[in-house]
Amino acid sequence: MNLSMLTLVTSSLISATAIASERPQISQLDGGWRGLAKQSDPFDTKRIEIIQIFKGDVTFLCGELNMKTKESGFDAFSFDAQLKYVVDEQAPVDKRGKYSTSLSGSKMVARNRYYSSKLSSEEVESIKFGKVLKVAGQFSTSGWETTSVDLTGFASAYEKMCNSN
């Protein structure tokens, strides 16, 4: 192997190592919640930022609720949808949102299907003090799809993600 070939291979390995350390990773959080985390400081591999938290079919981003449903063929779409959620035995909360192939109502070619809706800070606070969250979504004339999640550890996980007090 000549010197120029060795230099090319070495620089490729160094670049691959740098890219690998910046890839998002899964962090275990309280109560069975998991977080998708990325390195937040390019010089300190221990400093991470949590991008989203999830448990079962429910994913939260700061100020947003997402419910994963069944997978289907590869597609990209985003439709208006109706969502409802219930914390413990409180009254159901009606929400407008999206049914799409990606989190946050985004269109991305994928097999995944999500219902998503924005949440106010008051709604997030209510969820933080709950024990069980039930979520339902429907679009067009389709039937309701539902899921539920144990909220143990949610408040701590959400605060780590959003740096809220």
N, C-alpha and C. Protein backbone atom coordinates (compact mmCIF):
# COMPACT_ATOMS: atom_id res chain seq x y z
N MET A 1 0.86 -1.17 0.00
CA MET A 1 0.00 0.00 0.00
C MET A 1 0.90 1.22 0.00
N ASN A 2 0.66 2.14 -0.92
CA ASN A 2 1.49 3.33 -0.98
C ASN A 2 1.01 4.37 0.04
N LEU A 3 1.78 5.42 0.24
CA LEU A 3 1.52 6.45 1.24
C LEU A 3 0.20 7.19 0.99
N SER A 4 -0.10 7.51 -0.28
CA SER A 4 -1.34 8.24 -0.55
C SER A 4 -2.56 7.37 -0.26
N MET A 5 -2.48 6.07 -0.53
CA MET A 5 -3.58 5.16 -0.23
C MET A 5 -3.76 5.04 1.28
N LEU A 6 -2.67 4.94 2.04
CA LEU A 6 -2.71 4.86 3.49
C LEU A 6 -3.32 6.13 4.10
N THR A 7 -2.97 7.29 3.55
CA THR A 7 -3.51 8.55 4.01
C THR A 7 -5.01 8.61 3.77
N LEU A 8 -5.46 8.16 2.60
CA LEU A 8 -6.87 8.15 2.27
C LEU A 8 -7.65 7.23 3.21
N VAL A 9 -7.14 6.04 3.47
CA VAL A 9 -7.80 5.10 4.36
C VAL A 9 -7.86 5.65 5.78
N THR A 10 -6.75 6.23 6.26
CA THR A 10 -6.70 6.80 7.61
C THR A 10 -7.67 7.95 7.75
N SER A 11 -7.72 8.87 6.79
CA SER A 11 -8.64 10.00 6.90
C SER A 11 -10.08 9.54 6.79
N SER A 12 -10.35 8.50 6.04
CA SER A 12 -11.71 7.96 5.98
C SER A 12 -12.12 7.38 7.32
N LEU A 13 -11.21 6.68 7.98
CA LEU A 13 -11.50 6.11 9.30
C LEU A 13 -11.73 7.21 10.33
N ILE A 14 -10.92 8.26 10.29
CA ILE A 14 -11.09 9.37 11.23
C ILE A 14 -12.42 10.05 11.00
N SER A 15 -12.80 10.28 9.75
CA SER A 15 -14.09 10.89 9.44
C SER A 15 -15.23 10.01 9.90
N ALA A 16 -15.15 8.71 9.69
CA ALA A 16 -16.20 7.79 10.11
C ALA A 16 -16.34 7.79 11.62
N THR A 17 -15.23 7.87 12.34
CA THR A 17 -15.28 7.92 13.80
C THR A 17 -15.95 9.19 14.27
N ALA A 18 -15.63 10.31 13.66
CA ALA A 18 -16.24 11.59 14.05
C ALA A 18 -17.74 11.58 13.79
N ILE A 19 -18.15 11.01 12.67
CA ILE A 19 -19.57 10.95 12.34
C ILE A 19 -20.29 10.00 13.29
N ALA A 20 -19.68 8.87 13.59
CA ALA A 20 -20.32 7.88 14.46
C ALA A 20 -20.61 8.45 15.84
N SER A 21 -19.73 9.28 16.37
CA SER A 21 -19.95 9.81 17.71
C SER A 21 -21.06 10.86 17.75
N GLU A 22 -21.46 11.39 16.59
CA GLU A 22 -22.51 12.40 16.55
C GLU A 22 -23.89 11.81 16.28
N ARG A 23 -23.96 10.51 16.05
CA ARG A 23 -25.25 9.88 15.77
C ARG A 23 -26.09 9.83 17.03
N PRO A 24 -27.40 10.03 16.89
CA PRO A 24 -28.27 9.92 18.06
C PRO A 24 -28.21 8.53 18.67
N GLN A 25 -28.36 8.47 19.99
CA GLN A 25 -28.33 7.22 20.72
C GLN A 25 -29.52 7.18 21.66
N ILE A 26 -29.86 5.99 22.12
CA ILE A 26 -30.97 5.82 23.06
C ILE A 26 -30.44 5.90 24.49
N SER A 27 -31.07 6.72 25.31
CA SER A 27 -30.74 6.84 26.74
C SER A 27 -31.89 6.28 27.56
N GLN A 28 -31.57 5.51 28.59
CA GLN A 28 -32.59 5.00 29.50
C GLN A 28 -32.91 6.09 30.52
N LEU A 29 -34.19 6.37 30.72
CA LEU A 29 -34.63 7.40 31.66
C LEU A 29 -35.51 6.76 32.73
N ASP A 30 -35.99 7.56 33.66
CA ASP A 30 -36.82 7.06 34.76
C ASP A 30 -38.13 6.43 34.26
N GLY A 31 -38.61 5.44 35.01
CA GLY A 31 -39.92 4.87 34.77
C GLY A 31 -40.08 4.11 33.47
N GLY A 32 -39.01 3.68 32.85
CA GLY A 32 -39.10 2.96 31.59
C GLY A 32 -39.15 3.85 30.36
N TRP A 33 -39.09 5.16 30.56
CA TRP A 33 -39.02 6.08 29.42
C TRP A 33 -37.63 5.97 28.80
N ARG A 34 -37.58 6.16 27.52
CA ARG A 34 -36.29 6.20 26.81
C ARG A 34 -36.22 7.51 26.06
N GLY A 35 -35.02 7.98 25.86
CA GLY A 35 -34.83 9.23 25.14
C GLY A 35 -33.90 9.05 23.96
N LEU A 36 -34.21 9.71 22.87
CA LEU A 36 -33.31 9.77 21.73
C LEU A 36 -32.40 10.96 21.99
N ALA A 37 -31.12 10.70 22.14
CA ALA A 37 -30.18 11.75 22.55
C ALA A 37 -29.07 11.90 21.52
N LYS A 38 -28.57 13.14 21.43
CA LYS A 38 -27.44 13.41 20.56
C LYS A 38 -26.39 14.19 21.35
N GLN A 39 -25.18 14.12 20.89
CA GLN A 39 -24.08 14.85 21.51
C GLN A 39 -24.31 16.35 21.28
N SER A 40 -24.33 17.13 22.37
CA SER A 40 -24.63 18.56 22.23
C SER A 40 -23.39 19.44 22.17
N ASP A 41 -22.25 18.90 22.55
CA ASP A 41 -20.99 19.64 22.53
C ASP A 41 -20.00 18.86 21.66
N PRO A 42 -19.50 19.43 20.59
CA PRO A 42 -18.61 18.68 19.70
C PRO A 42 -17.30 18.26 20.35
N PHE A 43 -16.95 18.86 21.49
CA PHE A 43 -15.69 18.55 22.14
C PHE A 43 -15.85 17.71 23.40
N ASP A 44 -17.09 17.49 23.83
CA ASP A 44 -17.36 16.74 25.06
C ASP A 44 -18.39 15.67 24.76
N THR A 45 -17.94 14.43 24.61
CA THR A 45 -18.84 13.34 24.23
C THR A 45 -19.84 12.98 25.33
N LYS A 46 -19.62 13.44 26.54
CA LYS A 46 -20.53 13.14 27.65
C LYS A 46 -21.71 14.12 27.72
N ARG A 47 -21.62 15.24 27.04
CA ARG A 47 -22.72 16.22 27.05
C ARG A 47 -23.71 15.85 25.95
N ILE A 48 -24.93 15.50 26.39
CA ILE A 48 -25.95 15.09 25.43
C ILE A 48 -27.20 15.96 25.57
N GLU A 49 -27.96 15.98 24.52
CA GLU A 49 -29.24 16.68 24.48
C GLU A 49 -30.30 15.65 24.10
N ILE A 50 -31.35 15.57 24.89
CA ILE A 50 -32.44 14.63 24.59
C ILE A 50 -33.38 15.30 23.60
N ILE A 51 -33.60 14.65 22.47
CA ILE A 51 -34.41 15.19 21.38
C ILE A 51 -35.88 14.82 21.55
N GLN A 52 -36.13 13.59 22.00
CA GLN A 52 -37.49 13.12 22.19
C GLN A 52 -37.49 12.03 23.25
N ILE A 53 -38.65 11.85 23.90
CA ILE A 53 -38.79 10.76 24.86
C ILE A 53 -39.93 9.87 24.39
N PHE A 54 -39.83 8.57 24.69
CA PHE A 54 -40.86 7.66 24.23
C PHE A 54 -40.98 6.46 25.16
N LYS A 55 -42.18 5.92 25.15
CA LYS A 55 -42.49 4.71 25.91
C LYS A 55 -43.67 4.06 25.20
N GLY A 56 -43.56 2.81 24.88
CA GLY A 56 -44.62 2.14 24.11
C GLY A 56 -44.82 2.85 22.79
N ASP A 57 -46.06 3.17 22.47
CA ASP A 57 -46.39 3.82 21.19
C ASP A 57 -46.51 5.33 21.31
N VAL A 58 -46.11 5.89 22.45
CA VAL A 58 -46.25 7.33 22.69
C VAL A 58 -44.88 8.00 22.68
N THR A 59 -44.76 9.06 21.90
CA THR A 59 -43.53 9.84 21.81
C THR A 59 -43.86 11.30 22.09
N PHE A 60 -43.02 11.93 22.92
CA PHE A 60 -43.16 13.35 23.21
C PHE A 60 -41.94 14.09 22.69
N LEU A 61 -42.18 15.24 22.08
CA LEU A 61 -41.17 16.24 21.83
C LEU A 61 -41.61 17.41 22.71
N CYS A 62 -40.79 18.40 22.93
CA CYS A 62 -41.20 19.53 23.76
C CYS A 62 -42.46 20.17 23.17
N GLY A 63 -43.54 20.17 23.95
CA GLY A 63 -44.79 20.78 23.50
C GLY A 63 -45.55 19.98 22.46
N GLU A 64 -45.31 18.67 22.38
CA GLU A 64 -45.95 17.89 21.34
C GLU A 64 -46.13 16.44 21.76
N LEU A 65 -47.28 15.88 21.41
CA LEU A 65 -47.63 14.49 21.67
C LEU A 65 -47.76 13.76 20.34
N ASN A 66 -47.17 12.56 20.26
CA ASN A 66 -47.27 11.72 19.07
C ASN A 66 -47.66 10.31 19.49
N MET A 67 -48.55 9.69 18.72
CA MET A 67 -48.96 8.32 18.96
C MET A 67 -48.67 7.50 17.71
N LYS A 68 -47.85 6.48 17.86
CA LYS A 68 -47.54 5.61 16.72
C LYS A 68 -48.66 4.60 16.54
N THR A 69 -49.00 4.32 15.28
CA THR A 69 -50.02 3.33 14.96
C THR A 69 -49.38 2.24 14.10
N LYS A 70 -50.21 1.43 13.50
CA LYS A 70 -49.70 0.32 12.69
C LYS A 70 -48.85 0.81 11.52
N GLU A 71 -47.88 0.00 11.14
CA GLU A 71 -47.06 0.31 9.97
C GLU A 71 -47.78 -0.16 8.73
N SER A 72 -47.41 0.42 7.60
CA SER A 72 -48.01 0.03 6.33
C SER A 72 -46.93 0.11 5.26
N GLY A 73 -47.33 0.16 3.99
CA GLY A 73 -46.35 0.27 2.92
C GLY A 73 -45.66 1.62 2.94
N PHE A 74 -44.53 1.71 2.27
CA PHE A 74 -43.80 2.97 2.22
C PHE A 74 -44.63 4.03 1.51
N ASP A 75 -44.70 5.21 2.14
CA ASP A 75 -45.51 6.30 1.61
C ASP A 75 -45.06 7.59 2.28
N ALA A 76 -45.59 8.71 1.82
CA ALA A 76 -45.33 10.02 2.45
C ALA A 76 -46.61 10.83 2.38
N PHE A 77 -47.19 11.16 3.55
CA PHE A 77 -48.42 11.96 3.56
C PHE A 77 -48.57 12.64 4.91
N SER A 78 -49.47 13.60 4.96
CA SER A 78 -49.84 14.28 6.20
C SER A 78 -51.26 14.81 6.03
N PHE A 79 -52.20 14.29 6.83
CA PHE A 79 -53.61 14.68 6.78
C PHE A 79 -54.01 15.32 8.10
N ASP A 80 -55.03 16.18 8.06
CA ASP A 80 -55.62 16.68 9.30
C ASP A 80 -56.26 15.51 10.03
N ALA A 81 -56.20 15.56 11.35
CA ALA A 81 -56.75 14.47 12.16
C ALA A 81 -57.33 15.01 13.45
N GLN A 82 -58.13 14.19 14.07
CA GLN A 82 -58.70 14.50 15.37
C GLN A 82 -58.04 13.58 16.40
N LEU A 83 -57.62 14.17 17.52
CA LEU A 83 -57.04 13.40 18.61
C LEU A 83 -57.81 13.70 19.88
N LYS A 84 -57.76 12.76 20.80
CA LYS A 84 -58.29 12.94 22.15
C LYS A 84 -57.29 12.30 23.08
N TYR A 85 -57.18 12.89 24.27
CA TYR A 85 -56.39 12.21 25.29
C TYR A 85 -57.07 12.37 26.64
N VAL A 86 -56.80 11.42 27.52
CA VAL A 86 -57.36 11.42 28.86
C VAL A 86 -56.21 11.14 29.82
N VAL A 87 -56.09 11.96 30.86
CA VAL A 87 -55.14 11.71 31.93
C VAL A 87 -55.94 11.17 33.11
N ASP A 88 -55.61 9.96 33.54
CA ASP A 88 -56.31 9.28 34.63
C ASP A 88 -57.81 9.28 34.33
N GLU A 89 -58.61 9.77 35.23
CA GLU A 89 -60.07 9.77 35.03
C GLU A 89 -60.61 11.16 34.73
N GLN A 90 -59.75 12.07 34.29
CA GLN A 90 -60.19 13.43 33.96
C GLN A 90 -61.03 13.41 32.68
N ALA A 91 -61.63 14.52 32.37
CA ALA A 91 -62.43 14.63 31.14
C ALA A 91 -61.51 14.53 29.92
N PRO A 92 -61.99 13.91 28.83
CA PRO A 92 -61.20 13.85 27.60
C PRO A 92 -60.90 15.25 27.05
N VAL A 93 -59.73 15.40 26.47
CA VAL A 93 -59.32 16.66 25.85
C VAL A 93 -59.30 16.44 24.34
N ASP A 94 -60.06 17.27 23.61
CA ASP A 94 -60.10 17.21 22.15
C ASP A 94 -58.97 18.04 21.56
N LYS A 95 -58.31 17.51 20.56
CA LYS A 95 -57.20 18.20 19.90
C LYS A 95 -57.34 18.05 18.39
N ARG A 96 -56.85 19.03 17.67
CA ARG A 96 -56.68 18.93 16.22
C ARG A 96 -55.21 18.62 16.00
N GLY A 97 -54.93 17.84 15.02
CA GLY A 97 -53.54 17.48 14.76
C GLY A 97 -53.37 16.92 13.37
N LYS A 98 -52.45 16.00 13.26
CA LYS A 98 -52.10 15.40 11.97
C LYS A 98 -52.01 13.88 12.08
N TYR A 99 -52.27 13.23 10.97
CA TYR A 99 -52.00 11.81 10.78
C TYR A 99 -50.98 11.78 9.65
N SER A 100 -49.80 11.23 9.91
CA SER A 100 -48.73 11.34 8.91
C SER A 100 -47.76 10.18 9.01
N THR A 101 -46.78 10.22 8.14
CA THR A 101 -45.76 9.17 8.08
C THR A 101 -44.53 9.50 8.92
N SER A 102 -44.56 10.59 9.67
CA SER A 102 -43.43 10.96 10.51
C SER A 102 -43.92 11.74 11.72
N LEU A 103 -43.07 11.85 12.72
CA LEU A 103 -43.40 12.62 13.91
C LEU A 103 -43.72 14.06 13.52
N SER A 104 -44.49 14.74 14.33
CA SER A 104 -44.82 16.16 14.17
C SER A 104 -45.67 16.46 12.95
N GLY A 105 -46.29 15.45 12.37
CA GLY A 105 -47.14 15.69 11.20
C GLY A 105 -46.38 15.88 9.92
N SER A 106 -45.08 15.55 9.93
CA SER A 106 -44.24 15.73 8.74
C SER A 106 -44.46 14.63 7.72
N LYS A 107 -44.25 14.97 6.46
CA LYS A 107 -44.27 13.99 5.38
C LYS A 107 -42.85 13.49 5.17
N MET A 108 -42.66 12.20 5.32
CA MET A 108 -41.37 11.59 5.03
C MET A 108 -41.67 10.18 4.54
N VAL A 109 -40.99 9.74 3.52
CA VAL A 109 -41.24 8.39 3.03
C VAL A 109 -40.85 7.41 4.13
N ALA A 110 -41.85 6.68 4.62
CA ALA A 110 -41.62 5.73 5.71
C ALA A 110 -42.79 4.76 5.78
N ARG A 111 -42.61 3.71 6.57
CA ARG A 111 -43.70 2.75 6.83
C ARG A 111 -44.48 3.16 8.08
N ASN A 112 -43.89 4.04 8.89
CA ASN A 112 -44.52 4.44 10.14
C ASN A 112 -45.75 5.30 9.90
N ARG A 113 -46.65 5.29 10.89
CA ARG A 113 -47.84 6.12 10.87
C ARG A 113 -47.98 6.73 12.27
N TYR A 114 -48.21 8.04 12.35
CA TYR A 114 -48.32 8.74 13.63
C TYR A 114 -49.50 9.70 13.63
N TYR A 115 -50.13 9.82 14.79
CA TYR A 115 -51.03 10.93 15.08
C TYR A 115 -50.20 11.89 15.93
N SER A 116 -50.33 13.19 15.68
CA SER A 116 -49.56 14.16 16.46
C SER A 116 -50.37 15.42 16.70
N SER A 117 -50.06 16.07 17.81
CA SER A 117 -50.73 17.32 18.15
C SER A 117 -49.83 18.13 19.07
N LYS A 118 -49.94 19.44 18.96
CA LYS A 118 -49.24 20.35 19.86
C LYS A 118 -49.92 20.32 21.23
N LEU A 119 -49.14 20.58 22.27
CA LEU A 119 -49.65 20.66 23.64
C LEU A 119 -49.27 22.00 24.25
N SER A 120 -50.19 22.59 24.99
CA SER A 120 -49.86 23.82 25.72
C SER A 120 -49.06 23.44 26.97
N SER A 121 -48.44 24.43 27.58
CA SER A 121 -47.67 24.17 28.81
C SER A 121 -48.61 23.69 29.92
N GLU A 122 -49.86 24.17 29.95
CA GLU A 122 -50.83 23.72 30.94
C GLU A 122 -51.17 22.24 30.73
N GLU A 123 -51.31 21.83 29.47
CA GLU A 123 -51.60 20.43 29.18
C GLU A 123 -50.43 19.54 29.59
N VAL A 124 -49.22 19.98 29.32
CA VAL A 124 -48.04 19.21 29.73
C VAL A 124 -48.00 19.06 31.24
N GLU A 125 -48.27 20.14 31.96
CA GLU A 125 -48.28 20.08 33.43
C GLU A 125 -49.30 19.07 33.93
N SER A 126 -50.46 19.04 33.33
CA SER A 126 -51.50 18.08 33.71
C SER A 126 -51.02 16.65 33.50
N ILE A 127 -50.36 16.41 32.39
CA ILE A 127 -49.85 15.08 32.08
C ILE A 127 -48.75 14.69 33.07
N LYS A 128 -47.90 15.64 33.46
CA LYS A 128 -46.81 15.36 34.41
C LYS A 128 -47.32 14.81 35.74
N PHE A 129 -48.53 15.23 36.15
CA PHE A 129 -49.06 14.81 37.45
C PHE A 129 -49.98 13.59 37.35
N GLY A 130 -50.12 13.04 36.15
CA GLY A 130 -50.99 11.89 35.96
C GLY A 130 -50.30 10.56 36.19
N LYS A 131 -51.12 9.50 36.20
CA LYS A 131 -50.61 8.14 36.35
C LYS A 131 -50.68 7.38 35.03
N VAL A 132 -51.77 7.59 34.28
CA VAL A 132 -51.96 6.89 33.01
C VAL A 132 -52.48 7.90 31.98
N LEU A 133 -51.92 7.83 30.78
CA LEU A 133 -52.37 8.65 29.66
C LEU A 133 -52.95 7.73 28.60
N LYS A 134 -54.19 8.03 28.20
CA LYS A 134 -54.83 7.30 27.10
C LYS A 134 -54.93 8.27 25.93
N VAL A 135 -54.55 7.81 24.74
CA VAL A 135 -54.55 8.65 23.54
C VAL A 135 -55.35 7.95 22.45
N ALA A 136 -56.12 8.74 21.69
CA ALA A 136 -56.90 8.21 20.57
C ALA A 136 -56.74 9.16 19.39
N GLY A 137 -56.74 8.60 18.19
CA GLY A 137 -56.64 9.43 16.99
C GLY A 137 -57.49 8.85 15.87
N GLN A 138 -58.01 9.75 15.03
CA GLN A 138 -58.74 9.32 13.84
C GLN A 138 -58.62 10.40 12.78
N PHE A 139 -58.60 9.98 11.52
CA PHE A 139 -58.63 10.93 10.41
C PHE A 139 -59.76 10.52 9.48
N SER A 140 -60.31 11.48 8.79
CA SER A 140 -61.39 11.26 7.83
C SER A 140 -62.50 10.44 8.48
N THR A 141 -62.92 9.38 7.85
CA THR A 141 -63.98 8.54 8.40
C THR A 141 -63.43 7.24 8.99
N SER A 142 -62.13 7.20 9.18
CA SER A 142 -61.53 6.00 9.77
C SER A 142 -61.99 5.87 11.22
N GLY A 143 -61.89 4.69 11.76
CA GLY A 143 -62.23 4.48 13.17
C GLY A 143 -61.12 5.00 14.08
N TRP A 144 -61.41 5.04 15.36
CA TRP A 144 -60.44 5.51 16.34
C TRP A 144 -59.36 4.46 16.56
N GLU A 145 -58.13 4.91 16.65
CA GLU A 145 -57.01 4.07 17.05
C GLU A 145 -56.58 4.57 18.42
N THR A 146 -56.30 3.66 19.34
CA THR A 146 -56.01 4.06 20.71
C THR A 146 -54.76 3.37 21.26
N THR A 147 -54.21 3.99 22.29
CA THR A 147 -53.12 3.40 23.05
C THR A 147 -53.13 4.04 24.43
N SER A 148 -52.38 3.46 25.34
CA SER A 148 -52.23 4.07 26.66
C SER A 148 -50.81 3.85 27.14
N VAL A 149 -50.38 4.70 28.09
CA VAL A 149 -49.03 4.62 28.60
C VAL A 149 -49.01 4.97 30.08
N ASP A 150 -48.22 4.24 30.83
CA ASP A 150 -48.00 4.52 32.25
C ASP A 150 -47.11 5.75 32.33
N LEU A 151 -47.52 6.74 33.10
CA LEU A 151 -46.79 8.01 33.17
C LEU A 151 -45.71 8.05 34.26
N THR A 152 -45.45 6.93 34.93
CA THR A 152 -44.38 6.89 35.93
C THR A 152 -43.08 7.36 35.28
N GLY A 153 -42.42 8.35 35.86
CA GLY A 153 -41.15 8.87 35.34
C GLY A 153 -41.29 9.91 34.24
N PHE A 154 -42.52 10.18 33.78
CA PHE A 154 -42.70 11.12 32.67
C PHE A 154 -42.20 12.52 33.01
N ALA A 155 -42.57 13.03 34.19
CA ALA A 155 -42.21 14.41 34.55
C ALA A 155 -40.70 14.59 34.51
N SER A 156 -39.98 13.66 35.09
CA SER A 156 -38.51 13.74 35.11
C SER A 156 -37.93 13.66 33.69
N ALA A 157 -38.43 12.72 32.90
CA ALA A 157 -37.93 12.56 31.52
C ALA A 157 -38.23 13.80 30.68
N TYR A 158 -39.43 14.34 30.82
CA TYR A 158 -39.82 15.52 30.04
C TYR A 158 -38.95 16.72 30.43
N GLU A 159 -38.69 16.90 31.71
CA GLU A 159 -37.86 18.00 32.14
C GLU A 159 -36.42 17.87 31.65
N LYS A 160 -35.91 16.64 31.62
CA LYS A 160 -34.56 16.44 31.07
C LYS A 160 -34.52 16.82 29.60
N MET A 161 -35.60 16.52 28.88
CA MET A 161 -35.64 16.83 27.46
C MET A 161 -35.81 18.33 27.22
N CYS A 162 -36.69 18.97 27.95
CA CYS A 162 -37.04 20.36 27.66
C CYS A 162 -36.37 21.38 28.58
N ASN A 163 -35.60 20.90 29.54
CA ASN A 163 -34.94 21.79 30.52
C ASN A 163 -35.94 22.72 31.18
N SER A 164 -37.15 22.19 31.42
CA SER A 164 -38.17 23.02 32.08
C SER A 164 -38.06 22.89 33.58
N ASN A 165 -38.63 23.83 34.30
CA ASN A 165 -38.60 23.81 35.77
C ASN A 165 -39.97 23.51 36.32
